[in-house]
Amino acid sequence: IPTNIFDPGQWKTIDIKLRDLLVENGPTRVDDLNFHIDKNSRYFSTTHYIRKLPNGEKHDRKWLVYSKDLDKVFCFCCKLFNSKSNKNQLANGGTKDWKNISSILKNHETNKHITNMNTWIDLELRLLKNKKINKNVQGQIKKEKDHWKQVLLKIIAVVKNLGKNNLAFRGKKRKNLSRK
């Protein structure tokens, strides 16, 4: 697990446990930071967290995360659910092309991104359901497990006792197969 799980620049290998942990906590935004200024006096702006549509509507890009360590932006869901073979820069390496960031973000919001968003939302819902429902089910499973463990321990004690006293296993149940 990375030292700072909220910085996408530290997510080198994402296993199932880390993915579940990140989805449970959700993406963390960096708002109150003096962003690094590059040689062309450009830097990341928090205005990119909001997408303005031509009809005037505004949509929150909750998937957009900034890495303080690398001074790059990443797509949260594409970084978690995208295959490594894909050349998507927001998913794998991030981007710090502040001059073209608006067009990069606009072009990024296509089919693969939408698929990854749906996968993220589905996993988030499943994790929430597991926390609520599985708590009771897990309690029942543990109770059942303990019961059968006790039964097994009693059987082992009987077998040990029979072996220790050199006694045979005996029984009186017989099925009469000749009956019709």
C-alpha atoms as a PDB file:
ATOM      1  CA  ILE A   1       0.000   0.000   0.000  1.00  0.00           C
ATOM      2  CA  PRO A   2       1.447   3.409  -0.913  1.00  0.00           C
ATOM      3  CA  THR A   3       2.370   5.848   1.848  1.00  0.00           C
ATOM      4  CA  ASN A   4      -0.210   8.334   0.575  1.00  0.00           C
ATOM      5  CA  ILE A   5      -3.141   6.415  -0.893  1.00  0.00           C
ATOM      6  CA  PHE A   6      -4.862   9.623  -1.952  1.00  0.00           C
ATOM      7  CA  ASP A   7      -2.112  10.603  -4.412  1.00  0.00           C
ATOM      8  CA  PRO A   8      -2.591   8.803  -7.758  1.00  0.00           C
ATOM      9  CA  GLY A   9       1.095   9.272  -8.544  1.00  0.00           C
ATOM     10  CA  GLN A  10       1.867   6.595  -5.944  1.00  0.00           C
ATOM     11  CA  TRP A  11      -0.513   3.953  -7.331  1.00  0.00           C
ATOM     12  CA  LYS A  12       2.121   1.862  -9.112  1.00  0.00           C
ATOM     13  CA  THR A  13       0.462  -1.563  -8.880  1.00  0.00           C
ATOM     14  CA  ILE A  14      -3.210  -1.641  -8.064  1.00  0.00           C
ATOM     15  CA  ASP A  15      -4.397  -4.924  -6.583  1.00  0.00           C
ATOM     16  CA  ILE A  16      -7.964  -5.752  -5.552  1.00  0.00           C
ATOM     17  CA  LYS A  17      -7.476  -4.678  -1.928  1.00  0.00           C
ATOM     18  CA  LEU A  18      -6.054  -1.278  -2.873  1.00  0.00           C
ATOM     19  CA  ARG A  19      -8.771  -0.799  -5.504  1.00  0.00           C
ATOM     20  CA  ASP A  20     -11.519  -1.564  -2.971  1.00  0.00           C
ATOM     21  CA  LEU A  21      -9.913   0.768  -0.422  1.00  0.00           C
ATOM     22  CA  LEU A  22      -9.669   3.590  -2.967  1.00  0.00           C
ATOM     23  CA  VAL A  23     -13.258   3.093  -4.148  1.00  0.00           C
ATOM     24  CA  GLU A  24     -14.534   3.059  -0.541  1.00  0.00           C
ATOM     25  CA  ASN A  25     -12.750   6.346   0.203  1.00  0.00           C
ATOM     26  CA  GLY A  26     -13.418   7.896  -3.201  1.00  0.00           C
ATOM     27  CA  PRO A  27     -11.197  10.342  -5.056  1.00  0.00           C
ATOM     28  CA  THR A  28      -9.622  13.104  -2.983  1.00  0.00           C
ATOM     29  CA  ARG A  29      -9.381  16.540  -4.490  1.00  0.00           C
ATOM     30  CA  VAL A  30      -6.623  19.044  -3.979  1.00  0.00           C
ATOM     31  CA  ASP A  31      -8.226  22.492  -3.808  1.00  0.00           C
ATOM     32  CA  ASP A  32      -6.180  24.569  -1.405  1.00  0.00           C
ATOM     33  CA  LEU A  33      -2.747  24.196  -2.952  1.00  0.00           C
ATOM     34  CA  ASN A  34      -0.450  26.598  -4.727  1.00  0.00           C
ATOM     35  CA  PHE A  35      -0.023  24.518  -7.873  1.00  0.00           C
ATOM     36  CA  HIS A  36       3.433  24.183  -9.412  1.00  0.00           C
ATOM     37  CA  ILE A  37       4.038  26.714 -12.199  1.00  0.00           C
ATOM     38  CA  ASP A  38       5.908  25.368 -15.251  1.00  0.00           C
ATOM     39  CA  LYS A  39       8.452  27.207 -17.409  1.00  0.00           C
ATOM     40  CA  ASN A  40       5.636  28.716 -19.535  1.00  0.00           C
ATOM     41  CA  SER A  41       3.891  30.124 -16.435  1.00  0.00           C
ATOM     42  CA  ARG A  42       1.112  27.530 -16.733  1.00  0.00           C
ATOM     43  CA  TYR A  43      -0.332  25.438 -13.928  1.00  0.00           C
ATOM     44  CA  PHE A  44      -3.302  23.250 -13.049  1.00  0.00           C
ATOM     45  CA  SER A  45      -6.429  25.126 -12.054  1.00  0.00           C
ATOM     46  CA  THR A  46      -9.333  23.864  -9.955  1.00  0.00           C
ATOM     47  CA  THR A  47     -11.680  25.233 -12.636  1.00  0.00           C
ATOM     48  CA  HIS A  48     -10.999  22.006 -14.554  1.00  0.00           C
ATOM     49  CA  TYR A  49     -12.897  20.080 -11.862  1.00  0.00           C
ATOM     50  CA  ILE A  50     -16.098  21.493 -13.391  1.00  0.00           C
ATOM     51  CA  ARG A  51     -17.191  20.784 -16.958  1.00  0.00           C
ATOM     52  CA  LYS A  52     -19.240  23.536 -18.581  1.00  0.00           C
ATOM     53  CA  LEU A  53     -21.633  22.295 -21.228  1.00  0.00           C
ATOM     54  CA  PRO A  54     -22.717  24.421 -24.229  1.00  0.00           C
ATOM     55  CA  ASN A  55     -26.238  24.771 -22.769  1.00  0.00           C
ATOM     56  CA  GLY A  56     -24.812  26.393 -19.613  1.00  0.00           C
ATOM     57  CA  GLU A  57     -25.054  23.341 -17.336  1.00  0.00           C
ATOM     58  CA  LYS A  58     -22.133  22.511 -15.096  1.00  0.00           C
ATOM     59  CA  HIS A  59     -21.063  18.954 -14.266  1.00  0.00           C
ATOM     60  CA  ASP A  60     -18.639  17.990 -11.551  1.00  0.00           C
ATOM     61  CA  ARG A  61     -15.704  15.923 -12.764  1.00  0.00           C
ATOM     62  CA  LYS A  62     -15.383  14.012  -9.506  1.00  0.00           C
ATOM     63  CA  TRP A  63     -13.152  11.534 -11.334  1.00  0.00           C
ATOM     64  CA  LEU A  64     -10.385  14.106 -11.945  1.00  0.00           C
ATOM     65  CA  VAL A  65      -7.593  13.881  -9.358  1.00  0.00           C
ATOM     66  CA  TYR A  66      -4.381  15.839  -9.017  1.00  0.00           C
ATOM     67  CA  SER A  67      -1.082  14.307  -7.904  1.00  0.00           C
ATOM     68  CA  LYS A  68       1.008  16.641  -5.752  1.00  0.00           C
ATOM     69  CA  ASP A  69       4.021  14.334  -6.051  1.00  0.00           C
ATOM     70  CA  LEU A  70       4.087  14.314  -9.860  1.00  0.00           C
ATOM     71  CA  ASP A  71       2.287  17.618 -10.611  1.00  0.00           C
ATOM     72  CA  LYS A  72      -0.039  15.728 -12.972  1.00  0.00           C
ATOM     73  CA  VAL A  73      -3.750  15.000 -13.258  1.00  0.00           C
ATOM     74  CA  PHE A  74      -5.250  11.527 -13.565  1.00  0.00           C
ATOM     75  CA  CYS A  75      -8.633  10.000 -14.189  1.00  0.00           C
ATOM     76  CA  PHE A  76      -9.572   8.149 -10.986  1.00  0.00           C
ATOM     77  CA  CYS A  77     -11.783   5.476 -12.575  1.00  0.00           C
ATOM     78  CA  CYS A  78      -9.599   4.891 -15.644  1.00  0.00           C
ATOM     79  CA  LYS A  79      -6.498   4.572 -13.460  1.00  0.00           C
ATOM     80  CA  LEU A  80      -8.251   1.919 -11.337  1.00  0.00           C
ATOM     81  CA  PHE A  81     -10.115  -0.034 -14.026  1.00  0.00           C
ATOM     82  CA  ASN A  82      -8.212   0.547 -17.260  1.00  0.00           C
ATOM     83  CA  SER A  83      -5.960  -2.112 -18.752  1.00  0.00           C
ATOM     84  CA  LYS A  84      -2.244  -1.306 -18.821  1.00  0.00           C
ATOM     85  CA  SER A  85      -2.113  -1.940 -22.580  1.00  0.00           C
ATOM     86  CA  ASN A  86      -4.267   1.123 -23.219  1.00  0.00           C
ATOM     87  CA  LYS A  87      -2.300   4.250 -24.117  1.00  0.00           C
ATOM     88  CA  ASN A  88      -4.695   6.570 -22.279  1.00  0.00           C
ATOM     89  CA  GLN A  89      -2.477   9.197 -20.662  1.00  0.00           C
ATOM     90  CA  LEU A  90      -4.957  10.173 -17.934  1.00  0.00           C
ATOM     91  CA  ALA A  91      -5.230   6.519 -16.903  1.00  0.00           C
ATOM     92  CA  ASN A  92      -1.604   5.442 -16.913  1.00  0.00           C
ATOM     93  CA  GLY A  93       0.954   8.239 -16.784  1.00  0.00           C
ATOM     94  CA  GLY A  94      -1.179  11.276 -16.086  1.00  0.00           C
ATOM     95  CA  THR A  95      -0.732  14.574 -17.875  1.00  0.00           C
ATOM     96  CA  LYS A  96       0.762  17.951 -17.106  1.00  0.00           C
ATOM     97  CA  ASP A  97       0.106  19.533 -20.486  1.00  0.00           C
ATOM     98  CA  TRP A  98      -1.587  22.580 -18.965  1.00  0.00           C
ATOM     99  CA  LYS A  99      -1.816  24.358 -22.322  1.00  0.00           C
ATOM    100  CA  ASN A 100      -4.055  21.648 -23.813  1.00  0.00           C
ATOM    101  CA  ILE A 101      -5.680  20.336 -20.635  1.00  0.00           C
ATOM    102  CA  SER A 102      -9.198  21.444 -21.624  1.00  0.00           C
ATOM    103  CA  SER A 103      -9.145  19.541 -24.919  1.00  0.00           C
ATOM    104  CA  ILE A 104      -7.449  16.523 -23.270  1.00  0.00           C
ATOM    105  CA  LEU A 105     -10.227  16.341 -20.672  1.00  0.00           C
ATOM    106  CA  LYS A 106     -12.944  16.787 -23.301  1.00  0.00           C
ATOM    107  CA  ASN A 107     -11.456  14.053 -25.536  1.00  0.00           C
ATOM    108  CA  HIS A 108     -10.998  11.767 -22.554  1.00  0.00           C
ATOM    109  CA  GLU A 109     -14.711  11.679 -21.705  1.00  0.00           C
ATOM    110  CA  THR A 110     -15.527   9.024 -24.319  1.00  0.00           C
ATOM    111  CA  ASN A 111     -16.680   5.381 -24.392  1.00  0.00           C
ATOM    112  CA  LYS A 112     -13.799   3.778 -22.464  1.00  0.00           C
ATOM    113  CA  HIS A 113     -14.037   6.438 -19.772  1.00  0.00           C
ATOM    114  CA  ILE A 114     -17.809   5.985 -19.485  1.00  0.00           C
ATOM    115  CA  THR A 115     -17.352   2.201 -19.191  1.00  0.00           C
ATOM    116  CA  ASN A 116     -14.777   2.707 -16.424  1.00  0.00           C
ATOM    117  CA  MET A 117     -17.105   5.173 -14.663  1.00  0.00           C
ATOM    118  CA  ASN A 118     -19.900   2.575 -14.699  1.00  0.00           C
ATOM    119  CA  THR A 119     -17.531  -0.084 -13.339  1.00  0.00           C
ATOM    120  CA  TRP A 120     -16.477   2.312 -10.560  1.00  0.00           C
ATOM    121  CA  ILE A 121     -20.090   3.111  -9.625  1.00  0.00           C
ATOM    122  CA  ASP A 122     -21.057  -0.586  -9.675  1.00  0.00           C
ATOM    123  CA  LEU A 123     -18.147  -1.528  -7.403  1.00  0.00           C
ATOM    124  CA  GLU A 124     -18.949   1.350  -5.063  1.00  0.00           C
ATOM    125  CA  LEU A 125     -22.552   0.168  -4.764  1.00  0.00           C
ATOM    126  CA  ARG A 126     -21.498  -3.458  -4.209  1.00  0.00           C
ATOM    127  CA  LEU A 127     -19.077  -2.436  -1.469  1.00  0.00           C
ATOM    128  CA  LEU A 128     -21.797  -0.382   0.244  1.00  0.00           C
ATOM    129  CA  LYS A 129     -24.251  -3.303   0.064  1.00  0.00           C
ATOM    130  CA  ASN A 130     -21.656  -5.707   1.466  1.00  0.00           C
ATOM    131  CA  LYS A 131     -21.113  -3.472   4.472  1.00  0.00           C
ATOM    132  CA  LYS A 132     -24.815  -3.403   5.241  1.00  0.00           C
ATOM    133  CA  ILE A 133     -26.001  -6.891   4.302  1.00  0.00           C
ATOM    134  CA  ASN A 134     -22.974  -9.082   4.861  1.00  0.00           C
ATOM    135  CA  LYS A 135     -22.549  -8.039   8.470  1.00  0.00           C
ATOM    136  CA  ASN A 136     -25.559 -10.172   9.456  1.00  0.00           C
ATOM    137  CA  VAL A 137     -24.678 -12.950   7.032  1.00  0.00           C
ATOM    138  CA  GLN A 138     -21.078 -13.015   8.265  1.00  0.00           C
ATOM    139  CA  GLY A 139     -22.346 -13.379  11.846  1.00  0.00           C
ATOM    140  CA  GLN A 140     -24.492 -16.354  10.840  1.00  0.00           C
ATOM    141  CA  ILE A 141     -21.606 -17.956   8.952  1.00  0.00           C
ATOM    142  CA  LYS A 142     -19.313 -17.551  11.969  1.00  0.00           C
ATOM    143  CA  LYS A 143     -21.939 -19.099  14.251  1.00  0.00           C
ATOM    144  CA  GLU A 144     -22.340 -22.067  11.888  1.00  0.00           C
ATOM    145  CA  LYS A 145     -18.570 -22.455  11.597  1.00  0.00           C
ATOM    146  CA  ASP A 146     -18.146 -22.516  15.377  1.00  0.00           C
ATOM    147  CA  HIS A 147     -20.921 -25.117  15.716  1.00  0.00           C
ATOM    148  CA  TRP A 148     -19.335 -27.498  13.217  1.00  0.00           C
ATOM    149  CA  LYS A 149     -15.907 -26.953  14.721  1.00  0.00           C
ATOM    150  CA  GLN A 150     -17.280 -28.125  18.081  1.00  0.00           C
ATOM    151  CA  VAL A 151     -18.898 -31.169  16.428  1.00  0.00           C
ATOM    152  CA  LEU A 152     -15.601 -32.062  14.752  1.00  0.00           C
ATOM    153  CA  LEU A 153     -13.703 -31.693  18.037  1.00  0.00           C
ATOM    154  CA  LYS A 154     -16.164 -34.102  19.740  1.00  0.00           C
ATOM    155  CA  ILE A 155     -15.767 -36.664  16.944  1.00  0.00           C
ATOM    156  CA  ILE A 156     -11.977 -36.429  17.205  1.00  0.00           C
ATOM    157  CA  ALA A 157     -12.187 -36.923  20.987  1.00  0.00           C
ATOM    158  CA  VAL A 158     -14.318 -40.072  20.498  1.00  0.00           C
ATOM    159  CA  VAL A 159     -11.887 -41.469  17.892  1.00  0.00           C
ATOM    160  CA  LYS A 160      -8.905 -40.759  20.171  1.00  0.00           C
ATOM    161  CA  ASN A 161     -10.634 -42.437  23.107  1.00  0.00           C
ATOM    162  CA  LEU A 162     -11.479 -45.535  21.042  1.00  0.00           C
ATOM    163  CA  GLY A 163      -7.921 -45.733  19.735  1.00  0.00           C
ATOM    164  CA  LYS A 164      -6.373 -45.194  23.159  1.00  0.00           C
ATOM    165  CA  ASN A 165      -8.474 -48.018  24.706  1.00  0.00           C
ATOM    166  CA  ASN A 166      -8.053 -50.300  21.676  1.00  0.00           C
ATOM    167  CA  LEU A 167     -11.811 -50.433  21.046  1.00  0.00           C
ATOM    168  CA  ALA A 168     -13.558 -50.991  17.728  1.00  0.00           C
ATOM    169  CA  PHE A 169     -16.094 -48.811  16.011  1.00  0.00           C
ATOM    170  CA  ARG A 170     -19.430 -50.566  16.318  1.00  0.00           C
ATOM    171  CA  GLY A 171     -22.909 -49.912  15.196  1.00  0.00           C
ATOM    172  CA  LYS A 172     -26.240 -51.665  14.990  1.00  0.00           C
ATOM    173  CA  LYS A 173     -27.909 -50.056  11.988  1.00  0.00           C
ATOM    174  CA  ARG A 174     -28.499 -52.490   9.174  1.00  0.00           C
ATOM    175  CA  LYS A 175     -30.495 -52.079   6.027  1.00  0.00           C
ATOM    176  CA  ASN A 176     -32.360 -55.099   4.869  1.00  0.00           C
ATOM    177  CA  LEU A 177     -31.949 -55.111   1.102  1.00  0.00           C
ATOM    178  CA  SER A 178     -33.970 -58.282   0.527  1.00  0.00           C
ATOM    179  CA  ARG A 179     -37.268 -56.594   1.429  1.00  0.00           C
ATOM    180  CA  LYS A 180     -39.545 -55.619  -1.386  1.00  0.00           C
END
